[in-house]
Structures are given as structure tokens and as C-alpha cells.
Amino acid sequence: SVLSFLSLLKRIYRLLQID
């Protein structure tokens, strides 16, 4: 579903935002 996809994107985004 779209919501699961968005949650996955959020997860990836946060992982990539380790600065």
C-alpha cells in the first residue's frame, strides 16, 4: 500500500540523514 511505501521512505531518509 501507499502508506507502507511512505513509511519505508521515511525510514530510508532517516538512515541517510545520519550526518
PDB file of N, CA and C in Angstrom:
ATOM      1  N   SER A   1       0.838  -1.209   0.000  1.00  0.00           N
ATOM      2  CA  SER A   1       0.000   0.000   0.000  1.00  0.00           C
ATOM      3  C   SER A   1       0.868   1.252   0.000  1.00  0.00           C
ATOM      4  N   VAL A   2       0.244   2.383  -0.211  1.00  0.00           N
ATOM      5  CA  VAL A   2       0.987   3.641  -0.283  1.00  0.00           C
ATOM      6  C   VAL A   2       1.570   4.009   1.076  1.00  0.00           C
ATOM      7  N   LEU A   3       0.810   3.784   2.129  1.00  0.00           N
ATOM      8  CA  LEU A   3       1.274   4.156   3.466  1.00  0.00           C
ATOM      9  C   LEU A   3       2.519   3.380   3.862  1.00  0.00           C
ATOM     10  N   SER A   4       2.534   2.110   3.552  1.00  0.00           N
ATOM     11  CA  SER A   4       3.711   1.298   3.872  1.00  0.00           C
ATOM     12  C   SER A   4       4.923   1.773   3.080  1.00  0.00           C
ATOM     13  N   PHE A   5       4.662   2.196   1.842  1.00  0.00           N
ATOM     14  CA  PHE A   5       5.739   2.712   0.999  1.00  0.00           C
ATOM     15  C   PHE A   5       6.297   4.008   1.571  1.00  0.00           C
ATOM     16  N   LEU A   6       5.416   4.878   2.038  1.00  0.00           N
ATOM     17  CA  LEU A   6       5.846   6.143   2.625  1.00  0.00           C
ATOM     18  C   LEU A   6       6.633   5.914   3.906  1.00  0.00           C
ATOM     19  N   SER A   7       6.180   4.984   4.710  1.00  0.00           N
ATOM     20  CA  SER A   7       6.901   4.688   5.942  1.00  0.00           C
ATOM     21  C   SER A   7       8.290   4.141   5.640  1.00  0.00           C
ATOM     22  N   LEU A   8       8.389   3.364   4.586  1.00  0.00           N
ATOM     23  CA  LEU A   8       9.683   2.838   4.169  1.00  0.00           C
ATOM     24  C   LEU A   8      10.600   3.968   3.713  1.00  0.00           C
ATOM     25  N   LEU A   9      10.050   4.899   2.958  1.00  0.00           N
ATOM     26  CA  LEU A   9      10.837   6.045   2.508  1.00  0.00           C
ATOM     27  C   LEU A   9      11.318   6.870   3.684  1.00  0.00           C
ATOM     28  N   LYS A  10      10.453   7.062   4.660  1.00  0.00           N
ATOM     29  CA  LYS A  10      10.840   7.808   5.856  1.00  0.00           C
ATOM     30  C   LYS A  10      11.993   7.123   6.563  1.00  0.00           C
ATOM     31  N   ARG A  11      11.897   5.810   6.652  1.00  0.00           N
ATOM     32  CA  ARG A  11      12.938   5.039   7.322  1.00  0.00           C
ATOM     33  C   ARG A  11      14.273   5.208   6.605  1.00  0.00           C
ATOM     34  N   ILE A  12      14.254   5.086   5.288  1.00  0.00           N
ATOM     35  CA  ILE A  12      15.469   5.230   4.489  1.00  0.00           C
ATOM     36  C   ILE A  12      16.017   6.640   4.603  1.00  0.00           C
ATOM     37  N   TYR A  13      15.116   7.616   4.560  1.00  0.00           N
ATOM     38  CA  TYR A  13      15.530   9.009   4.640  1.00  0.00           C
ATOM     39  C   TYR A  13      16.238   9.293   5.962  1.00  0.00           C
ATOM     40  N   ARG A  14      15.695   8.766   7.027  1.00  0.00           N
ATOM     41  CA  ARG A  14      16.312   8.981   8.335  1.00  0.00           C
ATOM     42  C   ARG A  14      17.662   8.286   8.419  1.00  0.00           C
ATOM     43  N   LEU A  15      17.760   7.111   7.836  1.00  0.00           N
ATOM     44  CA  LEU A  15      19.034   6.402   7.840  1.00  0.00           C
ATOM     45  C   LEU A  15      20.090   7.167   7.060  1.00  0.00           C
ATOM     46  N   LEU A  16      19.678   7.760   5.945  1.00  0.00           N
ATOM     47  CA  LEU A  16      20.617   8.512   5.123  1.00  0.00           C
ATOM     48  C   LEU A  16      20.979   9.845   5.748  1.00  0.00           C
ATOM     49  N   GLN A  17      20.150  10.300   6.678  1.00  0.00           N
ATOM     50  CA  GLN A  17      20.370  11.610   7.254  1.00  0.00           C
ATOM     51  C   GLN A  17      21.288  11.567   8.478  1.00  0.00           C
ATOM     52  N   ILE A  18      21.957  10.446   8.666  1.00  0.00           N
ATOM     53  CA  ILE A  18      22.959  10.369   9.730  1.00  0.00           C
ATOM     54  C   ILE A  18      24.156  11.211   9.311  1.00  0.00           C
ATOM     55  N   ASP A  19      24.304  12.347   9.920  1.00  0.00           N
ATOM     56  CA  ASP A  19      25.300  13.310   9.475  1.00  0.00           C
ATOM     57  C   ASP A  19      26.404  13.476  10.516  1.00  0.00           C
TER      58      ASP A  19
END
